């Protein structure tokens, strides 16, 4: 199966999870293509000043892989810088947020799988 970029579902989410600005999410596949074992495999785009607010994942884990830019990642209340090539993981029962506090866009590949 091949899924063309033009076939991917894309949307803009304002104040995502209580964050700032607009977050652009492109879903590469549906949950059906993930065999119902997850709900997201896609790209998350953050313009400067945009963020995803702090939230806790229940019965799922989320992974971010940074493909462009630098972000600030909150892992259960402790902040870390994320750079190109870094991976952040939040497991079920834990919380996180991510913010673009820089001057360049940030792109993250995101995968959410069920626990």
N, C-alpha and C. Protein backbone atom coordinates (compact mmCIF):
# COMPACT_ATOMS: atom_id res chain seq x y z
N UNK A 1 0.85 -1.18 0.00
CA UNK A 1 0.00 0.00 0.00
C UNK A 1 0.89 1.24 0.00
N UNK A 2 0.50 2.20 -0.77
CA UNK A 2 1.16 3.50 -0.82
C UNK A 2 0.12 4.55 -0.47
N UNK A 3 0.49 5.44 0.42
CA UNK A 3 -0.40 6.56 0.77
C UNK A 3 0.32 7.83 0.35
N UNK A 4 -0.24 8.53 -0.59
CA UNK A 4 0.35 9.77 -1.09
C UNK A 4 0.14 10.90 -0.09
N UNK A 5 1.08 11.82 -0.07
CA UNK A 5 1.00 12.96 0.85
C UNK A 5 -0.32 13.71 0.67
N UNK A 6 -0.79 13.79 -0.56
CA UNK A 6 -2.04 14.50 -0.82
C UNK A 6 -3.26 13.79 -0.24
N UNK A 7 -3.11 12.51 0.15
CA UNK A 7 -4.21 11.74 0.71
C UNK A 7 -4.24 11.78 2.24
N UNK A 8 -3.21 12.35 2.85
CA UNK A 8 -3.12 12.38 4.31
C UNK A 8 -4.08 13.41 4.89
N UNK A 9 -4.67 13.06 6.02
CA UNK A 9 -5.57 13.97 6.73
C UNK A 9 -4.74 15.02 7.46
N UNK A 10 -5.02 16.28 7.22
CA UNK A 10 -4.28 17.36 7.87
C UNK A 10 -5.28 18.34 8.48
N UNK A 11 -4.96 18.81 9.67
CA UNK A 11 -5.81 19.83 10.27
C UNK A 11 -5.01 20.74 11.20
N UNK A 12 -5.62 21.87 11.49
CA UNK A 12 -5.03 22.86 12.38
C UNK A 12 -5.79 22.81 13.70
N UNK A 13 -5.05 22.70 14.79
CA UNK A 13 -5.67 22.59 16.11
C UNK A 13 -5.24 23.79 16.97
N UNK A 14 -6.19 24.67 17.22
CA UNK A 14 -5.90 25.86 18.03
C UNK A 14 -5.84 25.48 19.51
N UNK A 15 -4.85 26.03 20.18
CA UNK A 15 -4.68 25.83 21.63
C UNK A 15 -4.77 24.35 22.01
N UNK A 16 -4.03 23.52 21.29
CA UNK A 16 -4.08 22.07 21.48
C UNK A 16 -3.70 21.69 22.91
N UNK A 17 -4.58 20.97 23.57
CA UNK A 17 -4.40 20.53 24.96
C UNK A 17 -4.11 21.72 25.88
N UNK A 18 -4.63 22.89 25.54
CA UNK A 18 -4.42 24.09 26.35
C UNK A 18 -3.14 24.84 26.03
N UNK A 19 -2.48 24.45 24.95
CA UNK A 19 -1.24 25.11 24.54
C UNK A 19 -1.49 26.43 23.84
N UNK A 20 -0.42 27.02 23.34
CA UNK A 20 -0.48 28.31 22.66
C UNK A 20 -0.52 28.15 21.15
N UNK A 21 -1.19 29.07 20.50
CA UNK A 21 -1.18 29.12 19.05
C UNK A 21 -1.87 27.95 18.38
N UNK A 22 -1.47 27.72 17.14
CA UNK A 22 -2.06 26.67 16.32
C UNK A 22 -1.02 25.60 16.04
N UNK A 23 -1.41 24.35 16.22
CA UNK A 23 -0.56 23.20 15.93
C UNK A 23 -1.12 22.53 14.68
N UNK A 24 -0.25 22.22 13.73
CA UNK A 24 -0.68 21.59 12.49
C UNK A 24 -0.32 20.10 12.54
N UNK A 25 -1.34 19.24 12.41
CA UNK A 25 -1.16 17.80 12.52
C UNK A 25 -1.51 17.16 11.18
N UNK A 26 -0.58 16.38 10.64
CA UNK A 26 -0.81 15.60 9.44
C UNK A 26 -0.74 14.14 9.82
N UNK A 27 -1.84 13.42 9.64
CA UNK A 27 -1.89 12.00 9.96
C UNK A 27 -1.49 11.20 8.73
N UNK A 28 -0.40 10.44 8.84
CA UNK A 28 0.09 9.65 7.71
C UNK A 28 -0.82 8.45 7.42
N UNK A 29 -1.34 7.85 8.47
CA UNK A 29 -2.21 6.67 8.33
C UNK A 29 -3.36 6.78 9.32
N UNK A 30 -4.38 5.96 9.10
CA UNK A 30 -5.51 5.90 10.04
C UNK A 30 -5.23 4.86 11.10
N UNK A 31 -6.06 4.82 12.13
CA UNK A 31 -5.90 3.79 13.16
C UNK A 31 -6.13 2.40 12.57
N UNK A 32 -6.93 2.31 11.51
CA UNK A 32 -7.13 1.01 10.85
C UNK A 32 -5.81 0.52 10.25
N UNK A 33 -5.04 1.43 9.66
CA UNK A 33 -3.75 1.04 9.10
C UNK A 33 -2.72 0.72 10.19
N UNK A 34 -3.00 1.15 11.40
CA UNK A 34 -2.16 0.79 12.55
C UNK A 34 -2.70 -0.48 13.22
N UNK A 35 -3.60 -1.18 12.54
CA UNK A 35 -4.22 -2.40 13.06
C UNK A 35 -4.90 -2.16 14.40
N UNK A 36 -5.46 -0.94 14.57
CA UNK A 36 -6.17 -0.56 15.80
C UNK A 36 -5.27 -0.66 17.04
N UNK A 37 -3.95 -0.62 16.85
CA UNK A 37 -3.01 -0.69 17.97
C UNK A 37 -2.47 0.69 18.34
N UNK A 38 -2.98 1.71 17.64
CA UNK A 38 -2.56 3.06 17.91
C UNK A 38 -3.52 4.04 17.27
N UNK A 39 -3.33 5.33 17.59
CA UNK A 39 -4.25 6.32 17.04
C UNK A 39 -3.59 7.43 16.25
N UNK A 40 -2.24 7.47 16.25
CA UNK A 40 -1.57 8.51 15.45
C UNK A 40 -0.19 8.07 15.02
N UNK A 41 0.07 8.23 13.75
CA UNK A 41 1.42 8.22 13.19
C UNK A 41 1.41 9.36 12.20
N UNK A 42 2.14 10.43 12.53
CA UNK A 42 2.06 11.59 11.68
C UNK A 42 3.08 12.65 12.03
N UNK A 43 2.89 13.81 11.43
CA UNK A 43 3.77 14.95 11.64
C UNK A 43 3.04 16.01 12.47
N UNK A 44 3.75 16.56 13.43
CA UNK A 44 3.25 17.68 14.22
C UNK A 44 4.15 18.87 13.91
N UNK A 45 3.54 19.95 13.44
CA UNK A 45 4.27 21.15 13.04
C UNK A 45 3.93 22.28 14.02
N UNK A 46 4.97 22.86 14.60
CA UNK A 46 4.83 23.97 15.54
C UNK A 46 5.56 25.19 14.99
N UNK A 47 4.82 26.23 14.72
CA UNK A 47 5.45 27.51 14.36
C UNK A 47 6.02 28.13 15.64
N UNK A 48 6.93 29.10 15.52
CA UNK A 48 7.46 29.75 16.72
C UNK A 48 6.33 30.25 17.62
N UNK A 49 6.44 29.97 18.91
CA UNK A 49 5.45 30.38 19.89
C UNK A 49 4.32 29.38 20.11
N UNK A 50 4.22 28.37 19.24
CA UNK A 50 3.14 27.38 19.37
C UNK A 50 3.56 26.27 20.33
N UNK A 51 2.56 25.66 20.97
CA UNK A 51 2.85 24.57 21.91
C UNK A 51 1.65 23.64 22.03
N UNK A 52 1.94 22.44 22.51
CA UNK A 52 0.91 21.50 22.94
C UNK A 52 0.97 21.52 24.46
N UNK A 53 -0.15 21.81 25.10
CA UNK A 53 -0.20 21.94 26.55
C UNK A 53 0.04 20.62 27.27
N UNK A 54 0.38 20.74 28.54
CA UNK A 54 0.66 19.56 29.37
C UNK A 54 -0.59 18.69 29.50
N UNK A 55 -0.39 17.40 29.29
CA UNK A 55 -1.49 16.44 29.41
C UNK A 55 -0.92 15.07 29.75
N UNK A 56 -1.75 14.22 30.32
CA UNK A 56 -1.35 12.88 30.74
C UNK A 56 -1.94 11.86 29.77
N UNK A 57 -1.15 10.88 29.40
CA UNK A 57 -1.63 9.79 28.53
C UNK A 57 -2.05 8.61 29.38
N UNK A 58 -3.25 8.13 29.13
CA UNK A 58 -3.77 6.95 29.83
C UNK A 58 -3.98 5.84 28.81
N UNK A 59 -3.45 4.67 29.12
CA UNK A 59 -3.60 3.48 28.26
C UNK A 59 -2.99 3.65 26.88
N UNK A 60 -1.99 4.51 26.77
CA UNK A 60 -1.27 4.70 25.52
C UNK A 60 0.07 5.36 25.80
N UNK A 61 0.98 5.21 24.85
CA UNK A 61 2.29 5.87 24.92
C UNK A 61 2.46 6.72 23.67
N UNK A 62 3.21 7.82 23.80
CA UNK A 62 3.48 8.67 22.64
C UNK A 62 4.98 8.89 22.51
N UNK A 63 5.43 8.83 21.27
CA UNK A 63 6.83 9.06 20.94
C UNK A 63 6.91 10.24 19.98
N UNK A 64 7.87 11.13 20.21
CA UNK A 64 8.16 12.23 19.29
C UNK A 64 9.59 12.03 18.79
N UNK A 65 9.78 12.19 17.49
CA UNK A 65 11.11 12.21 16.89
C UNK A 65 11.26 13.55 16.20
N UNK A 66 12.28 14.30 16.55
CA UNK A 66 12.45 15.66 16.03
C UNK A 66 13.15 15.61 14.67
N UNK A 67 12.47 16.13 13.64
CA UNK A 67 13.06 16.17 12.30
C UNK A 67 13.49 17.57 11.88
N UNK A 68 12.98 18.59 12.59
CA UNK A 68 13.38 19.97 12.27
C UNK A 68 13.19 20.84 13.49
N UNK A 69 14.15 21.72 13.73
CA UNK A 69 14.03 22.72 14.77
C UNK A 69 14.44 22.25 16.16
N UNK A 70 14.18 23.12 17.12
CA UNK A 70 14.49 22.85 18.52
C UNK A 70 13.26 23.18 19.35
N UNK A 71 12.93 22.30 20.29
CA UNK A 71 11.74 22.46 21.11
C UNK A 71 12.08 22.29 22.58
N UNK A 72 11.17 22.74 23.43
CA UNK A 72 11.27 22.50 24.87
C UNK A 72 10.25 21.43 25.22
N UNK A 73 10.72 20.35 25.84
CA UNK A 73 9.87 19.21 26.17
C UNK A 73 9.72 19.12 27.67
N UNK A 74 8.48 19.09 28.14
CA UNK A 74 8.18 18.94 29.56
C UNK A 74 7.84 17.47 29.79
N UNK A 75 8.68 16.79 30.56
CA UNK A 75 8.51 15.37 30.87
C UNK A 75 8.15 15.25 32.35
N UNK A 76 6.85 15.13 32.63
CA UNK A 76 6.38 15.01 34.01
C UNK A 76 6.86 16.15 34.90
N UNK A 77 6.86 17.36 34.36
CA UNK A 77 7.21 18.53 35.15
C UNK A 77 8.64 19.00 35.03
N UNK A 78 9.49 18.23 34.37
CA UNK A 78 10.88 18.63 34.18
C UNK A 78 11.10 18.94 32.71
N UNK A 79 11.71 20.11 32.42
CA UNK A 79 11.90 20.53 31.04
C UNK A 79 13.27 20.14 30.50
N UNK A 80 13.26 19.76 29.21
CA UNK A 80 14.47 19.36 28.50
C UNK A 80 14.45 19.98 27.11
N UNK A 81 15.63 20.30 26.56
CA UNK A 81 15.67 20.73 25.16
C UNK A 81 15.60 19.51 24.24
N UNK A 82 14.89 19.64 23.14
CA UNK A 82 14.86 18.62 22.10
C UNK A 82 15.43 19.20 20.83
N UNK A 83 16.33 18.46 20.18
CA UNK A 83 16.97 18.89 18.94
C UNK A 83 16.77 17.83 17.87
N UNK A 84 17.11 18.16 16.64
CA UNK A 84 16.98 17.24 15.52
C UNK A 84 17.67 15.92 15.87
N UNK A 85 16.93 14.83 15.64
CA UNK A 85 17.44 13.49 15.91
C UNK A 85 17.09 12.96 17.29
N UNK A 86 16.58 13.82 18.18
CA UNK A 86 16.20 13.38 19.53
C UNK A 86 14.83 12.70 19.49
N UNK A 87 14.63 11.77 20.41
CA UNK A 87 13.35 11.10 20.59
C UNK A 87 12.89 11.29 22.02
N UNK A 88 11.63 11.64 22.21
CA UNK A 88 11.02 11.76 23.54
C UNK A 88 9.90 10.73 23.62
N UNK A 89 9.80 10.07 24.77
CA UNK A 89 8.79 9.04 24.97
C UNK A 89 8.03 9.32 26.25
N UNK A 90 6.71 9.28 26.19
CA UNK A 90 5.88 9.35 27.39
C UNK A 90 5.06 8.07 27.44
N UNK A 91 5.15 7.37 28.56
CA UNK A 91 4.43 6.11 28.70
C UNK A 91 3.10 6.35 29.41
N UNK A 92 2.25 5.35 29.36
CA UNK A 92 0.92 5.43 29.95
C UNK A 92 1.00 5.84 31.42
N UNK A 93 0.15 6.78 31.81
CA UNK A 93 0.11 7.26 33.18
C UNK A 93 1.02 8.44 33.43
N UNK A 94 1.77 8.87 32.42
CA UNK A 94 2.69 10.00 32.56
C UNK A 94 2.25 11.14 31.67
N UNK A 95 2.80 12.34 31.95
CA UNK A 95 2.40 13.53 31.22
C UNK A 95 3.55 14.22 30.53
N UNK A 96 3.18 15.05 29.56
CA UNK A 96 4.18 15.81 28.81
C UNK A 96 3.54 17.00 28.11
N UNK A 97 4.41 17.88 27.64
CA UNK A 97 4.03 18.97 26.75
C UNK A 97 5.23 19.28 25.88
N UNK A 98 5.02 20.04 24.83
CA UNK A 98 6.12 20.44 23.96
C UNK A 98 5.83 21.85 23.46
N UNK A 99 6.89 22.65 23.39
CA UNK A 99 6.74 24.05 22.98
C UNK A 99 7.86 24.46 22.03
N UNK A 100 7.51 25.29 21.07
CA UNK A 100 8.51 25.90 20.21
C UNK A 100 8.74 27.31 20.73
N UNK A 101 9.81 27.46 21.49
CA UNK A 101 10.18 28.76 22.04
C UNK A 101 11.23 29.47 21.19
N UNK A 102 11.57 28.86 20.06
CA UNK A 102 12.60 29.42 19.19
C UNK A 102 12.03 30.29 18.10
N UNK A 103 12.87 30.57 17.11
CA UNK A 103 12.48 31.45 16.01
C UNK A 103 12.26 30.70 14.70
N UNK A 104 12.49 29.40 14.70
CA UNK A 104 12.30 28.57 13.51
C UNK A 104 11.22 27.53 13.75
N UNK A 105 10.56 27.04 12.71
CA UNK A 105 9.53 26.00 12.90
C UNK A 105 10.12 24.70 13.46
N UNK A 106 9.26 23.92 14.10
CA UNK A 106 9.61 22.60 14.64
C UNK A 106 8.69 21.57 13.99
N UNK A 107 9.28 20.46 13.55
CA UNK A 107 8.50 19.34 13.04
C UNK A 107 8.88 18.09 13.81
N UNK A 108 7.84 17.40 14.29
CA UNK A 108 8.01 16.17 15.06
C UNK A 108 7.25 15.06 14.37
N UNK A 109 7.86 13.89 14.24
CA UNK A 109 7.13 12.70 13.85
C UNK A 109 6.56 12.13 15.13
N UNK A 110 5.27 11.91 15.17
CA UNK A 110 4.60 11.43 16.39
C UNK A 110 3.97 10.07 16.14
N UNK A 111 4.09 9.22 17.16
CA UNK A 111 3.45 7.91 17.13
C UNK A 111 2.79 7.69 18.47
N UNK A 112 1.48 7.43 18.45
CA UNK A 112 0.75 7.10 19.67
C UNK A 112 0.25 5.67 19.53
N UNK A 113 0.70 4.80 20.47
CA UNK A 113 0.30 3.40 20.45
C UNK A 113 -0.41 3.07 21.75
N UNK A 114 -1.34 2.12 21.68
CA UNK A 114 -2.10 1.74 22.86
C UNK A 114 -1.28 0.82 23.74
N UNK A 115 -1.45 0.99 25.06
CA UNK A 115 -0.71 0.19 26.03
C UNK A 115 -1.40 -1.14 26.23
